[in-house]
Amino acid sequence: MRKFFIILSLFIISVSLYAEVFRYKYNQGEKYKIVSVVDESVYIDGIFSHKARILNKISVEVADVFDDGSGEIEANYSTSEERTGNVQVYALSQEYYSTFIRDETGKISIDPGFFMPVVRNVPLFDNRDYKPGDIWSSEGYEVHDLRNGYGIKEAFSYPVKVKYKYLGKEERDGALYDIISIFYSISYRTPDYFSRYPLYPIRVTGYSDQTLYWDNETGRPYAYEEEFNIQFSVSNGSSYEFTGTAWANVTESELMDKHRIAGNIEARLEKERLENAVVSIDENGVTITLGSINFGADSSALSYAEKKKLDIVVDILKNYPERDVVITGHTALAGTAEGRLELSKQRAAIVAQYFIEKGAKRSDQLIITGKGASDPVSDNSTIEGMARNRRVEITIIEN
């Protein structure tokens, strides 16, 4: 009998070693970055339309921690789509800010006016010790921004029924993580009040099949992989299908010593005697404005001389290998507003591609955007002023 109790005790101890308690954890002032890539195919009325690659970058900060263990989260979201043609880089398409409170179980409290995060209350834990093979279920919801295309001003949301299974531990990137299978189905018919819009989705169906790598030491996800299929049936009789894969990784954010970086860059530019180069600091990071990198009128082509100037910036960027960079193109006041905006994006893309070719940055570390002639630095009524307005700004950002 004594031997039986010894064996039983050892069994209980053995099981407890494999049991995990999953909780979100928060440390005030903690910062980290989430990078995800979505590869999707789009079908309209069952006919293939196009492929898209979407790069999402999220900067997260724990603004406050409360007595009940919940945390106040502030997050900035940057969504970019791959721009193809002569160059292949990510073009900024949308930026969002969001703040919300999330408790230890993963439940989110958020103002309905925020469009991000898209998936909410996933994962959601209950009060138990999880062992490999354990399953549980809960409800979450998705939120989408349908202002463009549909004109729906408020966030469009629908519920999802989520099933979880704890699969045990697995090594990834040299560390052990808890693996959780997440699957949810979507079957939602929109309420009648959406009919006040001329175009609106009347039904949403689909699924998401995810593998989550949970870091139980930090109390947050480390990575995930996903397969998805979502279909929108629209009030005009059309249907839109989005199917593909996604992945994401979480990395720690190192504080950026902006003044030190700006000082080092200024010293380098002075040494190289690069004319019309200005270094500035703002909330986004450190920006190098290159008025000396000029483009011909209505052109995005770079001459040999201009490339040699950019080589100096290439060497500067290599000193900050982990930092992302935003490249902003500008034009003089000529042509149409639409043409100027497109030309400014082309100029930013050309510079970004040059940085990639020279090994200064990877494509997923670069985001391009264009402002056309909306932000001049000089008088567009003179030839000299227009030349200065044909410029590029390179911002080393605080990830």
Protein backbone atom coordinates (compact mmCIF):
# COMPACT_ATOMS: atom_id res chain seq x y z
CA MET A 1 0.00 0.00 0.00
CA ARG A 2 2.83 2.40 0.87
CA LYS A 3 4.44 1.67 -2.49
CA PHE A 4 1.14 2.54 -4.22
CA PHE A 5 0.99 5.95 -2.54
CA ILE A 6 4.62 6.65 -3.44
CA ILE A 7 3.90 5.84 -7.09
CA LEU A 8 0.72 7.96 -6.99
CA SER A 9 2.63 10.87 -5.46
CA LEU A 10 5.31 10.65 -8.12
CA PHE A 11 2.60 10.59 -10.79
CA ILE A 12 0.96 13.73 -9.37
CA ILE A 13 4.34 15.49 -9.21
CA SER A 14 5.12 14.43 -12.78
CA VAL A 15 1.79 15.73 -14.09
CA SER A 16 2.18 19.03 -12.21
CA LEU A 17 5.57 19.59 -13.83
CA TYR A 18 3.87 19.63 -17.24
CA ALA A 19 0.93 21.79 -16.15
CA GLU A 20 1.08 25.47 -17.05
CA VAL A 21 -0.89 28.48 -15.86
CA PHE A 22 -1.27 30.94 -18.73
CA ARG A 23 -1.69 34.60 -17.84
CA TYR A 24 -0.89 37.87 -19.56
CA LYS A 25 1.74 39.81 -17.64
CA TYR A 26 2.41 43.56 -17.70
CA ASN A 27 5.31 45.77 -16.62
CA GLN A 28 4.75 49.50 -16.73
CA GLY A 29 6.90 51.18 -19.39
CA GLU A 30 7.59 47.90 -21.17
CA LYS A 31 7.90 48.26 -24.95
CA TYR A 32 7.94 45.70 -27.71
CA LYS A 33 7.28 45.40 -31.44
CA ILE A 34 5.08 43.01 -33.40
CA VAL A 35 5.83 42.37 -37.07
CA SER A 36 3.42 40.34 -39.18
CA VAL A 37 3.26 39.47 -42.87
CA VAL A 38 0.05 38.45 -44.62
CA ASP A 39 0.09 36.72 -48.02
CA GLU A 40 -3.39 36.60 -49.47
CA SER A 41 -5.20 35.91 -52.70
CA VAL A 42 -8.32 37.92 -53.51
CA TYR A 43 -11.25 36.57 -55.51
CA ILE A 44 -14.20 38.63 -56.74
CA ASP A 45 -17.36 36.70 -57.59
CA GLY A 46 -15.28 33.51 -57.59
CA ILE A 47 -12.75 34.82 -60.11
CA PHE A 48 -9.14 35.42 -59.10
CA SER A 49 -8.39 39.15 -58.85
CA HIS A 50 -4.90 39.59 -57.41
CA LYS A 51 -2.37 38.62 -54.78
CA ALA A 52 -1.30 40.94 -51.98
CA ARG A 53 1.45 40.92 -49.39
CA ILE A 54 0.70 43.09 -46.36
CA LEU A 55 3.29 44.12 -43.78
CA ASN A 56 1.98 45.13 -40.36
CA LYS A 57 4.22 46.75 -37.76
CA ILE A 58 2.92 47.43 -34.28
CA SER A 59 4.77 49.38 -31.59
CA VAL A 60 3.37 48.51 -28.16
CA GLU A 61 3.88 50.15 -24.76
CA VAL A 62 2.43 49.18 -21.39
CA ALA A 63 1.26 52.59 -20.17
CA ASP A 64 -0.06 51.47 -16.79
CA VAL A 65 -0.59 48.40 -14.62
CA PHE A 66 -3.56 48.04 -12.29
CA ASP A 67 -4.05 46.26 -8.96
CA ASP A 68 -6.10 43.47 -10.55
CA GLY A 69 -3.16 42.58 -12.84
CA SER A 70 -4.60 44.13 -16.00
CA GLY A 71 -2.57 46.50 -18.15
CA GLU A 72 -3.28 49.63 -20.16
CA ILE A 73 -1.84 49.22 -23.64
CA GLU A 74 -0.95 51.96 -26.11
CA ALA A 75 -0.16 50.82 -29.64
CA ASN A 76 0.72 52.38 -32.98
CA TYR A 77 -0.12 50.34 -36.07
CA SER A 78 1.45 50.75 -39.49
CA THR A 79 0.00 48.80 -42.41
CA SER A 80 1.87 48.61 -45.72
CA GLU A 81 1.28 46.73 -48.95
CA GLU A 82 3.96 45.45 -51.27
CA ARG A 83 4.44 47.74 -54.22
CA THR A 84 5.59 46.01 -57.39
CA GLY A 85 6.81 47.24 -60.75
CA ASN A 86 10.38 48.33 -61.36
CA VAL A 87 10.93 48.08 -57.61
CA GLN A 88 9.54 45.82 -54.91
CA VAL A 89 9.09 47.56 -51.56
CA TYR A 90 6.36 48.17 -48.99
CA ALA A 91 4.23 51.29 -49.46
CA LEU A 92 2.53 52.76 -46.40
CA SER A 93 -1.24 52.42 -46.75
CA GLN A 94 -2.67 53.18 -43.30
CA GLU A 95 -1.67 54.16 -39.77
CA TYR A 96 -3.70 53.71 -36.60
CA TYR A 97 -3.41 54.51 -32.90
CA SER A 98 -5.21 52.50 -30.26
CA THR A 99 -5.36 52.27 -26.48
CA PHE A 100 -7.14 49.59 -24.48
CA ILE A 101 -7.10 47.67 -21.20
CA ARG A 102 -6.44 43.93 -21.26
CA ASP A 103 -6.75 41.73 -18.17
CA GLU A 104 -4.68 38.70 -17.19
CA THR A 105 -6.95 36.30 -19.09
CA GLY A 106 -6.69 38.27 -22.35
CA LYS A 107 -10.08 40.01 -22.29
CA ILE A 108 -9.95 43.47 -23.83
CA SER A 109 -11.87 46.60 -22.82
CA ILE A 110 -11.69 49.17 -25.62
CA ASP A 111 -13.56 52.17 -26.95
CA PRO A 112 -15.60 51.10 -30.02
CA GLY A 113 -14.12 53.96 -32.03
CA PHE A 114 -10.75 52.21 -32.37
CA PHE A 115 -10.13 50.06 -35.44
CA MET A 116 -7.19 48.11 -34.02
CA PRO A 117 -6.45 45.43 -32.95
CA VAL A 118 -8.38 43.44 -35.55
CA VAL A 119 -8.68 40.22 -33.50
CA ARG A 120 -9.81 40.70 -29.91
CA ASN A 121 -10.15 38.39 -26.90
CA VAL A 122 -7.95 35.80 -28.63
CA PRO A 123 -6.30 34.00 -26.95
CA LEU A 124 -8.51 33.92 -23.89
CA PHE A 125 -7.58 31.75 -20.89
CA ASP A 126 -9.66 30.42 -18.01
CA ASN A 127 -8.67 29.54 -14.45
CA ARG A 128 -6.94 26.19 -14.74
CA ASP A 129 -3.60 24.45 -14.93
CA TYR A 130 -3.21 23.53 -18.59
CA LYS A 131 -1.75 20.17 -19.52
CA PRO A 132 -0.90 18.94 -23.04
CA GLY A 133 -4.09 17.78 -24.71
CA ASP A 134 -6.37 20.13 -22.75
CA ILE A 135 -9.06 21.85 -24.80
CA TRP A 136 -11.26 24.85 -24.06
CA SER A 137 -13.42 27.32 -25.92
CA SER A 138 -14.48 30.97 -25.73
CA GLU A 139 -15.84 33.81 -27.82
CA GLY A 140 -13.84 36.60 -29.41
CA TYR A 141 -14.50 39.06 -32.18
CA GLU A 142 -12.91 40.68 -35.21
CA VAL A 143 -12.99 44.37 -36.15
CA HIS A 144 -12.43 45.79 -39.63
CA ASP A 145 -12.03 49.27 -41.09
CA LEU A 146 -14.51 49.55 -43.97
CA ARG A 147 -14.37 53.31 -44.42
CA ASN A 148 -12.65 52.97 -47.78
CA GLY A 149 -14.80 51.26 -50.37
CA TYR A 150 -17.89 50.94 -48.20
CA GLY A 151 -17.97 54.32 -46.47
CA ILE A 152 -18.91 52.68 -43.15
CA LYS A 153 -17.63 55.14 -40.57
CA GLU A 154 -17.77 52.96 -37.47
CA ALA A 155 -15.66 49.88 -36.88
CA PHE A 156 -17.33 46.83 -38.45
CA SER A 157 -17.21 43.91 -36.02
CA TYR A 158 -18.49 40.35 -35.82
CA PRO A 159 -18.17 37.54 -33.24
CA VAL A 160 -16.01 34.43 -33.61
CA LYS A 161 -16.31 31.12 -31.79
CA VAL A 162 -12.84 30.00 -30.75
CA LYS A 163 -11.59 26.51 -29.92
CA TYR A 164 -8.22 26.01 -28.22
CA LYS A 165 -5.95 23.03 -27.60
CA TYR A 166 -2.72 23.05 -25.61
CA LEU A 167 -0.17 20.98 -27.53
CA GLY A 168 2.78 21.14 -25.15
CA LYS A 169 6.18 22.75 -25.60
CA GLU A 170 8.25 23.23 -28.75
CA GLU A 171 11.58 24.84 -29.53
CA ARG A 172 11.67 27.91 -31.75
CA ASP A 173 14.58 30.29 -32.31
CA GLY A 174 16.60 28.56 -29.61
CA ALA A 175 13.98 28.72 -26.83
CA LEU A 176 11.05 26.64 -25.58
CA TYR A 177 7.52 27.97 -26.00
CA ASP A 178 4.08 26.67 -25.16
CA ILE A 179 2.17 25.72 -28.32
CA ILE A 180 -1.54 26.46 -28.48
CA SER A 181 -3.76 25.52 -31.41
CA ILE A 182 -6.42 28.14 -32.13
CA PHE A 183 -9.30 27.65 -34.53
CA TYR A 184 -12.34 29.82 -35.00
CA SER A 185 -15.19 29.88 -37.46
CA ILE A 186 -17.06 32.92 -38.74
CA SER A 187 -20.76 32.97 -39.60
CA TYR A 188 -22.33 36.40 -39.27
CA ARG A 189 -25.25 38.24 -40.86
CA THR A 190 -25.15 42.01 -40.46
CA PRO A 191 -27.95 43.87 -38.66
CA ASP A 192 -30.54 45.80 -40.66
CA TYR A 193 -29.14 49.20 -39.66
CA PHE A 194 -26.22 48.72 -42.08
CA SER A 195 -28.75 49.11 -44.91
CA ARG A 196 -28.49 52.88 -44.53
CA TYR A 197 -25.20 52.61 -46.44
CA PRO A 198 -25.35 52.32 -50.25
CA LEU A 199 -22.91 49.37 -50.11
CA TYR A 200 -22.37 47.08 -47.15
CA PRO A 201 -21.51 43.44 -46.36
CA ILE A 202 -24.65 41.46 -45.61
CA ARG A 203 -22.88 38.24 -44.56
CA VAL A 204 -19.39 37.22 -43.43
CA THR A 205 -18.22 33.60 -43.33
CA GLY A 206 -14.87 31.87 -42.99
CA TYR A 207 -12.30 30.51 -40.58
CA SER A 208 -8.89 31.12 -39.03
CA ASP A 209 -6.54 28.25 -38.14
CA GLN A 210 -3.62 29.40 -35.99
CA THR A 211 -0.64 28.00 -34.14
CA LEU A 212 0.37 30.27 -31.26
CA TYR A 213 3.81 30.21 -29.65
CA TRP A 214 3.19 31.47 -26.13
CA ASP A 215 6.03 32.88 -24.00
CA ASN A 216 4.95 32.08 -20.46
CA GLU A 217 7.91 33.92 -18.96
CA THR A 218 6.96 37.29 -20.45
CA GLY A 219 3.25 36.51 -20.37
CA ARG A 220 2.49 37.28 -24.01
CA PRO A 221 2.65 35.65 -27.47
CA TYR A 222 6.05 35.25 -29.06
CA ALA A 223 4.89 34.27 -32.55
CA TYR A 224 2.02 32.79 -34.50
CA GLU A 225 1.28 31.17 -37.85
CA GLU A 226 -2.11 31.26 -39.54
CA GLU A 227 -4.16 29.97 -42.44
CA PHE A 228 -7.38 31.86 -43.15
CA ASN A 229 -10.33 32.22 -45.47
CA ILE A 230 -12.87 35.04 -45.18
CA GLN A 231 -15.77 35.72 -47.53
CA PHE A 232 -17.86 38.89 -47.71
CA SER A 233 -21.26 38.77 -49.42
CA VAL A 234 -22.08 42.36 -50.40
CA SER A 235 -25.43 44.13 -50.76
CA ASN A 236 -24.95 44.64 -54.52
CA GLY A 237 -24.79 40.86 -55.06
CA SER A 238 -21.00 40.61 -55.33
CA SER A 239 -18.79 38.38 -53.21
CA TYR A 240 -15.22 38.91 -52.06
CA GLU A 241 -12.99 36.09 -50.84
CA PHE A 242 -9.68 36.56 -49.02
CA THR A 243 -7.60 33.45 -48.51
CA GLY A 244 -3.99 32.96 -47.51
CA THR A 245 -1.45 32.68 -44.74
CA ALA A 246 0.06 34.95 -42.12
CA TRP A 247 2.83 34.92 -39.55
CA ALA A 248 4.01 37.24 -36.80
CA ASN A 249 6.90 37.67 -34.38
CA VAL A 250 7.31 39.75 -31.25
CA THR A 251 10.64 41.44 -30.51
CA GLU A 252 11.81 43.64 -27.67
CA SER A 253 12.17 47.34 -28.43
CA GLU A 254 15.41 49.03 -27.50
CA LEU A 255 15.17 52.66 -26.48
CA MET A 256 16.51 54.97 -29.14
CA ASP A 257 19.05 57.61 -28.07
CA LYS A 258 17.86 60.09 -30.66
CA HIS A 259 20.24 62.91 -29.71
CA ARG A 260 23.29 60.65 -29.84
CA ILE A 261 22.25 59.18 -33.19
CA ALA A 262 21.48 62.62 -34.64
CA GLY A 263 24.85 63.93 -33.45
CA ASN A 264 26.73 61.04 -35.02
CA ILE A 265 24.89 61.48 -38.33
CA GLU A 266 25.51 65.24 -38.40
CA ALA A 267 29.22 64.67 -37.81
CA ARG A 268 29.37 62.15 -40.66
CA LEU A 269 27.50 64.44 -43.07
CA GLU A 270 29.80 67.34 -42.22
CA LYS A 271 32.85 65.15 -42.77
CA GLU A 272 31.53 64.09 -46.18
CA ARG A 273 30.55 67.70 -46.98
CA LEU A 274 27.16 66.62 -48.17
CA GLU A 275 25.39 69.84 -49.06
CA ASN A 276 21.76 70.65 -48.21
CA ALA A 277 21.50 67.75 -45.78
CA VAL A 278 19.58 68.44 -42.58
CA VAL A 279 19.22 66.18 -39.54
CA SER A 280 16.19 66.61 -37.29
CA ILE A 281 14.57 64.86 -34.33
CA ASP A 282 10.88 64.32 -33.72
CA GLU A 283 8.59 61.82 -32.01
CA ASN A 284 9.04 59.34 -34.85
CA GLY A 285 12.82 59.18 -34.75
CA VAL A 286 15.78 60.82 -36.51
CA THR A 287 15.25 62.20 -40.00
CA ILE A 288 17.85 62.95 -42.67
CA THR A 289 16.42 65.41 -45.20
CA LEU A 290 18.36 65.25 -48.42
CA GLY A 291 17.68 68.36 -50.45
CA SER A 292 20.83 67.54 -52.37
CA ILE A 293 19.33 64.32 -53.71
CA ASN A 294 17.45 65.93 -56.57
CA PHE A 295 15.30 64.42 -59.26
CA GLY A 296 14.69 65.86 -62.66
CA ALA A 297 11.32 67.44 -63.36
CA ASP A 298 8.60 64.75 -63.58
CA SER A 299 11.26 62.08 -63.04
CA SER A 300 12.10 59.47 -60.40
CA ALA A 301 15.43 58.44 -61.97
CA LEU A 302 18.67 58.77 -60.04
CA SER A 303 21.89 59.80 -61.77
CA TYR A 304 25.30 58.34 -60.98
CA ALA A 305 26.18 61.46 -58.97
CA GLU A 306 23.01 61.18 -56.89
CA LYS A 307 23.71 57.51 -56.16
CA LYS A 308 27.17 58.43 -54.85
CA LYS A 309 25.51 60.81 -52.42
CA LEU A 310 23.13 58.07 -51.32
CA ASP A 311 26.11 55.80 -50.66
CA ILE A 312 26.94 58.03 -47.69
CA VAL A 313 23.46 57.39 -46.27
CA VAL A 314 23.87 53.66 -46.96
CA ASP A 315 26.95 53.62 -44.71
CA ILE A 316 25.07 55.56 -42.03
CA LEU A 317 22.11 53.17 -42.04
CA LYS A 318 24.40 50.16 -41.71
CA ASN A 319 25.36 51.49 -38.28
CA TYR A 320 21.78 50.86 -37.13
CA PRO A 321 21.00 47.37 -38.47
CA GLU A 322 18.00 46.71 -36.20
CA ARG A 323 16.24 50.01 -36.88
CA ASP A 324 13.45 50.35 -39.43
CA VAL A 325 13.42 53.24 -41.88
CA VAL A 326 10.61 55.27 -43.44
CA ILE A 327 11.42 56.97 -46.75
CA THR A 328 9.21 59.89 -47.71
CA GLY A 329 9.23 61.36 -51.20
CA HIS A 330 8.30 64.97 -52.08
CA THR A 331 7.72 66.84 -55.32
CA ALA A 332 7.56 70.41 -56.51
CA LEU A 333 4.22 72.02 -57.33
CA ALA A 334 3.73 70.87 -60.91
CA GLY A 335 1.16 68.72 -62.68
CA THR A 336 -1.92 67.26 -60.99
CA ALA A 337 -2.26 66.39 -57.30
CA GLU A 338 -2.71 62.70 -58.16
CA GLY A 339 0.35 62.77 -60.41
CA ARG A 340 2.48 64.50 -57.79
CA LEU A 341 1.47 61.97 -55.13
CA GLU A 342 2.33 59.02 -57.36
CA LEU A 343 5.64 60.58 -58.42
CA SER A 344 6.63 61.19 -54.80
CA LYS A 345 5.99 57.53 -54.01
CA GLN A 346 8.04 56.47 -57.02
CA ARG A 347 10.97 58.58 -55.82
CA ALA A 348 10.79 57.09 -52.36
CA ALA A 349 10.62 53.59 -53.88
CA ILE A 350 13.71 54.19 -56.03
CA VAL A 351 15.71 55.26 -52.98
CA ALA A 352 14.40 52.30 -50.97
CA GLN A 353 15.39 49.86 -53.69
CA TYR A 354 18.87 51.37 -53.81
CA PHE A 355 19.23 50.84 -50.06
CA ILE A 356 18.17 47.20 -50.47
CA GLU A 357 20.61 46.60 -53.31
CA LYS A 358 23.46 48.10 -51.27
CA GLY A 359 22.62 45.99 -48.21
CA ALA A 360 21.67 48.92 -46.00
CA LYS A 361 18.28 47.43 -45.10
CA ARG A 362 16.05 44.46 -45.85
CA SER A 363 12.81 45.12 -47.69
CA ASP A 364 10.77 44.42 -44.54
CA GLN A 365 12.73 47.14 -42.71
CA LEU A 366 11.76 49.82 -45.23
CA ILE A 367 8.45 51.57 -45.71
CA ILE A 368 7.87 54.17 -48.39
CA THR A 369 5.33 56.96 -48.50
CA GLY A 370 4.76 60.04 -50.63
CA LYS A 371 3.40 63.48 -49.86
CA GLY A 372 3.41 65.02 -53.33
CA ALA A 373 3.77 68.79 -53.03
CA SER A 374 1.76 69.05 -49.80
CA ASP A 375 4.76 69.81 -47.57
CA PRO A 376 7.09 72.26 -49.37
CA VAL A 377 10.28 73.58 -47.78
CA SER A 378 10.81 76.33 -50.30
CA ASP A 379 8.99 78.66 -52.68
CA ASN A 380 7.58 76.79 -55.67
CA SER A 381 7.51 79.98 -57.74
CA THR A 382 11.27 79.79 -58.40
CA ILE A 383 13.35 77.16 -60.16
CA GLU A 384 15.68 76.94 -57.16
CA GLY A 385 12.78 76.50 -54.77
CA MET A 386 11.19 73.78 -56.87
CA ALA A 387 14.51 71.92 -56.98
CA ARG A 388 14.73 71.97 -53.17
CA ASN A 389 11.19 70.64 -52.90
CA ARG A 390 12.15 67.59 -54.99
CA ARG A 391 13.61 65.87 -51.97
CA VAL A 392 13.62 62.67 -49.97
CA GLU A 393 13.44 62.27 -46.20
CA ILE A 394 14.94 59.18 -44.54
CA THR A 395 13.64 58.60 -41.01
CA ILE A 396 15.33 56.10 -38.70
CA ILE A 397 12.41 55.23 -36.49
CA GLU A 398 12.07 54.14 -32.90
CA ASN A 399 10.75 50.63 -33.51
